[in-house]
Amino acid sequence: MKKYPLERLLQEYNYSMLDLEREEGLKSSTLYNLKYRNDSVTDYKLEVIIALSSLLNLSLDDVFAKLCRYEVEYELSQLIGENEMNELIERG
């Protein structure tokens, strides 16, 4: 759960932020600012969601839903700890 939602989504599909920058033409500063400022998924610019949708071949809704889920898991693991979060996920 230590991975930031954007990074986790890209890794799920075997991509990196560099791939998103190179293949979708996004500025590296845009992507890294999202990660290091710990921006909420709801603050992402539409261009980032569209670029992810294109790169990962997912609908906009699917991209947003996955990012929101990963953000909740990330934030919850920060609050309750990674071990407890993993136990919650295992239980379903």
N, C-alpha and C. Protein backbone atom coordinates (compact mmCIF):
# COMPACT_ATOMS: atom_id res chain seq x y z
N MET A 1 0.80 -1.21 0.00
CA MET A 1 0.00 0.00 0.00
C MET A 1 0.84 1.27 0.00
N LYS A 2 2.15 1.12 0.00
CA LYS A 2 2.99 2.30 0.08
C LYS A 2 3.02 3.09 -1.23
N LYS A 3 2.57 2.49 -2.30
CA LYS A 3 2.63 3.16 -3.59
C LYS A 3 1.48 4.15 -3.72
N TYR A 4 1.82 5.30 -4.25
CA TYR A 4 0.83 6.33 -4.53
C TYR A 4 -0.11 5.82 -5.62
N PRO A 5 -1.40 6.18 -5.58
CA PRO A 5 -2.40 5.62 -6.51
C PRO A 5 -2.01 5.66 -7.99
N LEU A 6 -1.48 6.76 -8.47
CA LEU A 6 -1.10 6.85 -9.88
C LEU A 6 -0.01 5.84 -10.21
N GLU A 7 0.98 5.75 -9.36
CA GLU A 7 2.08 4.82 -9.55
C GLU A 7 1.58 3.37 -9.48
N ARG A 8 0.69 3.08 -8.57
CA ARG A 8 0.15 1.73 -8.41
C ARG A 8 -0.66 1.30 -9.64
N LEU A 9 -1.47 2.21 -10.17
CA LEU A 9 -2.26 1.89 -11.36
C LEU A 9 -1.35 1.61 -12.55
N LEU A 10 -0.35 2.44 -12.74
CA LEU A 10 0.58 2.21 -13.85
C LEU A 10 1.31 0.88 -13.70
N GLN A 11 1.75 0.57 -12.51
CA GLN A 11 2.47 -0.69 -12.29
C GLN A 11 1.57 -1.90 -12.51
N GLU A 12 0.29 -1.76 -12.20
CA GLU A 12 -0.65 -2.86 -12.41
C GLU A 12 -0.66 -3.28 -13.88
N TYR A 13 -0.44 -2.34 -14.76
CA TYR A 13 -0.44 -2.60 -16.21
C TYR A 13 0.98 -2.58 -16.79
N ASN A 14 1.97 -2.71 -15.92
CA ASN A 14 3.39 -2.77 -16.32
C ASN A 14 3.87 -1.53 -17.06
N TYR A 15 3.44 -0.37 -16.58
CA TYR A 15 3.89 0.91 -17.10
C TYR A 15 4.50 1.73 -15.97
N SER A 16 5.20 2.78 -16.36
CA SER A 16 5.76 3.71 -15.38
C SER A 16 5.32 5.12 -15.76
N MET A 17 5.66 6.07 -14.91
CA MET A 17 5.34 7.46 -15.22
C MET A 17 6.07 7.92 -16.47
N LEU A 18 7.25 7.39 -16.70
CA LEU A 18 7.99 7.74 -17.91
C LEU A 18 7.25 7.27 -19.16
N ASP A 19 6.62 6.10 -19.09
CA ASP A 19 5.82 5.63 -20.22
C ASP A 19 4.65 6.56 -20.49
N LEU A 20 4.00 7.00 -19.43
CA LEU A 20 2.86 7.90 -19.58
C LEU A 20 3.32 9.23 -20.19
N GLU A 21 4.46 9.69 -19.75
CA GLU A 21 5.01 10.94 -20.29
C GLU A 21 5.39 10.78 -21.77
N ARG A 22 6.08 9.71 -22.07
CA ARG A 22 6.59 9.49 -23.43
C ARG A 22 5.46 9.17 -24.41
N GLU A 23 4.56 8.26 -24.05
CA GLU A 23 3.55 7.80 -24.99
C GLU A 23 2.34 8.71 -25.09
N GLU A 24 2.05 9.46 -24.04
CA GLU A 24 0.86 10.32 -24.05
C GLU A 24 1.18 11.80 -24.07
N GLY A 25 2.48 12.12 -24.03
CA GLY A 25 2.89 13.51 -24.16
C GLY A 25 2.65 14.40 -22.96
N LEU A 26 2.45 13.82 -21.80
CA LEU A 26 2.27 14.63 -20.60
C LEU A 26 3.62 15.12 -20.10
N LYS A 27 3.63 16.28 -19.51
CA LYS A 27 4.86 16.83 -18.95
C LYS A 27 5.23 16.06 -17.70
N SER A 28 6.51 15.78 -17.55
CA SER A 28 6.96 15.04 -16.37
C SER A 28 6.66 15.82 -15.10
N SER A 29 6.73 17.14 -15.16
CA SER A 29 6.45 17.93 -13.97
C SER A 29 5.01 17.76 -13.52
N THR A 30 4.09 17.63 -14.45
CA THR A 30 2.68 17.41 -14.11
C THR A 30 2.52 16.11 -13.34
N LEU A 31 3.14 15.05 -13.83
CA LEU A 31 3.00 13.73 -13.20
C LEU A 31 3.69 13.66 -11.84
N TYR A 32 4.89 14.16 -11.76
CA TYR A 32 5.63 14.07 -10.51
C TYR A 32 5.05 14.99 -9.44
N ASN A 33 4.49 16.12 -9.87
CA ASN A 33 3.81 16.98 -8.90
C ASN A 33 2.62 16.28 -8.28
N LEU A 34 1.89 15.50 -9.08
CA LEU A 34 0.75 14.75 -8.54
C LEU A 34 1.21 13.80 -7.44
N LYS A 35 2.31 13.15 -7.68
CA LYS A 35 2.81 12.17 -6.72
C LYS A 35 3.39 12.83 -5.48
N TYR A 36 4.27 13.79 -5.66
CA TYR A 36 5.00 14.33 -4.53
C TYR A 36 4.22 15.36 -3.72
N ARG A 37 3.22 15.97 -4.34
CA ARG A 37 2.35 16.86 -3.56
C ARG A 37 1.22 16.06 -2.91
N ASN A 38 1.15 14.77 -3.26
CA ASN A 38 0.12 13.89 -2.73
C ASN A 38 -1.28 14.43 -3.05
N ASP A 39 -1.45 14.89 -4.30
CA ASP A 39 -2.75 15.40 -4.74
C ASP A 39 -3.79 14.30 -4.70
N SER A 40 -4.99 14.68 -4.34
CA SER A 40 -6.11 13.74 -4.37
C SER A 40 -6.48 13.44 -5.82
N VAL A 41 -6.97 12.25 -6.05
CA VAL A 41 -7.40 11.85 -7.38
C VAL A 41 -8.44 12.83 -7.93
N THR A 42 -9.27 13.36 -7.07
CA THR A 42 -10.30 14.29 -7.53
C THR A 42 -9.71 15.62 -7.99
N ASP A 43 -8.44 15.87 -7.70
CA ASP A 43 -7.77 17.09 -8.16
C ASP A 43 -6.98 16.89 -9.45
N TYR A 44 -6.94 15.66 -9.95
CA TYR A 44 -6.21 15.40 -11.19
C TYR A 44 -6.85 16.17 -12.33
N LYS A 45 -6.03 16.68 -13.20
CA LYS A 45 -6.55 17.33 -14.40
C LYS A 45 -7.14 16.26 -15.31
N LEU A 46 -8.15 16.65 -16.07
CA LEU A 46 -8.80 15.71 -16.97
C LEU A 46 -7.79 15.12 -17.97
N GLU A 47 -6.79 15.89 -18.36
CA GLU A 47 -5.81 15.40 -19.32
C GLU A 47 -5.06 14.18 -18.79
N VAL A 48 -4.86 14.12 -17.48
CA VAL A 48 -4.17 12.97 -16.89
C VAL A 48 -5.06 11.74 -16.95
N ILE A 49 -6.34 11.90 -16.62
CA ILE A 49 -7.28 10.77 -16.66
C ILE A 49 -7.43 10.28 -18.11
N ILE A 50 -7.53 11.20 -19.05
CA ILE A 50 -7.66 10.82 -20.47
C ILE A 50 -6.40 10.10 -20.94
N ALA A 51 -5.23 10.60 -20.56
CA ALA A 51 -3.97 9.96 -20.95
C ALA A 51 -3.87 8.55 -20.37
N LEU A 52 -4.27 8.39 -19.12
CA LEU A 52 -4.26 7.05 -18.51
C LEU A 52 -5.23 6.12 -19.23
N SER A 53 -6.39 6.64 -19.55
CA SER A 53 -7.39 5.85 -20.27
C SER A 53 -6.84 5.36 -21.60
N SER A 54 -6.17 6.25 -22.32
CA SER A 54 -5.60 5.90 -23.62
C SER A 54 -4.46 4.89 -23.47
N LEU A 55 -3.55 5.15 -22.56
CA LEU A 55 -2.39 4.28 -22.38
C LEU A 55 -2.79 2.89 -21.91
N LEU A 56 -3.72 2.82 -20.98
CA LEU A 56 -4.10 1.54 -20.37
C LEU A 56 -5.25 0.85 -21.08
N ASN A 57 -5.82 1.54 -22.07
CA ASN A 57 -6.95 1.01 -22.83
C ASN A 57 -8.14 0.69 -21.90
N LEU A 58 -8.44 1.66 -21.03
CA LEU A 58 -9.56 1.55 -20.10
C LEU A 58 -10.50 2.72 -20.33
N SER A 59 -11.74 2.58 -19.90
CA SER A 59 -12.67 3.70 -19.99
C SER A 59 -12.27 4.76 -18.94
N LEU A 60 -12.74 5.97 -19.15
CA LEU A 60 -12.47 7.03 -18.18
C LEU A 60 -13.02 6.66 -16.81
N ASP A 61 -14.21 6.07 -16.80
CA ASP A 61 -14.82 5.65 -15.53
C ASP A 61 -13.97 4.60 -14.82
N ASP A 62 -13.44 3.64 -15.58
CA ASP A 62 -12.62 2.59 -14.98
C ASP A 62 -11.33 3.17 -14.39
N VAL A 63 -10.71 4.09 -15.11
CA VAL A 63 -9.48 4.72 -14.62
C VAL A 63 -9.77 5.47 -13.32
N PHE A 64 -10.82 6.28 -13.33
CA PHE A 64 -11.15 7.07 -12.16
C PHE A 64 -11.52 6.17 -10.97
N ALA A 65 -12.30 5.13 -11.23
CA ALA A 65 -12.70 4.21 -10.15
C ALA A 65 -11.49 3.52 -9.53
N LYS A 66 -10.57 3.05 -10.37
CA LYS A 66 -9.37 2.38 -9.84
C LYS A 66 -8.52 3.36 -9.04
N LEU A 67 -8.33 4.56 -9.57
CA LEU A 67 -7.53 5.55 -8.84
C LEU A 67 -8.16 5.90 -7.51
N CYS A 68 -9.48 6.04 -7.48
CA CYS A 68 -10.17 6.36 -6.22
C CYS A 68 -10.01 5.23 -5.22
N ARG A 69 -10.16 4.00 -5.68
CA ARG A 69 -10.00 2.85 -4.79
C ARG A 69 -8.58 2.81 -4.22
N TYR A 70 -7.59 2.98 -5.10
CA TYR A 70 -6.21 2.94 -4.64
C TYR A 70 -5.89 4.09 -3.70
N GLU A 71 -6.54 5.24 -3.92
CA GLU A 71 -6.31 6.36 -3.02
C GLU A 71 -6.88 6.07 -1.63
N VAL A 72 -8.06 5.48 -1.58
CA VAL A 72 -8.66 5.12 -0.28
C VAL A 72 -7.78 4.11 0.43
N GLU A 73 -7.32 3.10 -0.29
CA GLU A 73 -6.46 2.09 0.32
C GLU A 73 -5.14 2.71 0.81
N TYR A 74 -4.59 3.60 0.01
CA TYR A 74 -3.34 4.28 0.38
C TYR A 74 -3.52 5.12 1.64
N GLU A 75 -4.57 5.93 1.66
CA GLU A 75 -4.81 6.80 2.82
C GLU A 75 -5.14 5.98 4.07
N LEU A 76 -5.93 4.94 3.91
CA LEU A 76 -6.28 4.09 5.04
C LEU A 76 -5.05 3.38 5.59
N SER A 77 -4.18 2.93 4.70
CA SER A 77 -2.96 2.27 5.19
C SER A 77 -2.06 3.25 5.93
N GLN A 78 -2.12 4.53 5.57
CA GLN A 78 -1.35 5.54 6.30
C GLN A 78 -1.91 5.73 7.71
N LEU A 79 -3.23 5.59 7.84
CA LEU A 79 -3.89 5.79 9.14
C LEU A 79 -3.79 4.58 10.06
N ILE A 80 -4.06 3.41 9.52
CA ILE A 80 -4.14 2.22 10.38
C ILE A 80 -2.91 1.32 10.28
N GLY A 81 -2.04 1.58 9.33
CA GLY A 81 -0.84 0.77 9.16
C GLY A 81 -1.01 -0.23 8.03
N GLU A 82 0.09 -0.55 7.43
CA GLU A 82 0.07 -1.42 6.25
C GLU A 82 -0.37 -2.85 6.58
N ASN A 83 0.07 -3.40 7.70
CA ASN A 83 -0.30 -4.77 8.06
C ASN A 83 -1.80 -4.89 8.27
N GLU A 84 -2.39 -3.94 9.00
CA GLU A 84 -3.83 -3.98 9.24
C GLU A 84 -4.60 -3.81 7.94
N MET A 85 -4.10 -2.96 7.05
CA MET A 85 -4.76 -2.76 5.77
C MET A 85 -4.72 -4.03 4.93
N ASN A 86 -3.60 -4.70 4.93
CA ASN A 86 -3.49 -5.97 4.18
C ASN A 86 -4.47 -7.01 4.73
N GLU A 87 -4.64 -7.05 6.04
CA GLU A 87 -5.60 -7.98 6.65
C GLU A 87 -7.03 -7.66 6.20
N LEU A 88 -7.37 -6.38 6.16
CA LEU A 88 -8.70 -5.97 5.70
C LEU A 88 -8.95 -6.38 4.26
N ILE A 89 -7.96 -6.23 3.42
CA ILE A 89 -8.09 -6.59 2.01
C ILE A 89 -8.24 -8.10 1.86
N GLU A 90 -7.48 -8.85 2.63
CA GLU A 90 -7.58 -10.30 2.58
C GLU A 90 -8.96 -10.81 2.99
N ARG A 91 -9.56 -10.15 3.97
CA ARG A 91 -10.89 -10.53 4.44
C ARG A 91 -11.98 -10.18 3.44
N GLY A 92 -11.67 -9.21 2.57
CA GLY A 92 -12.64 -8.81 1.53
C GLY A 92 -13.49 -7.74 2.01
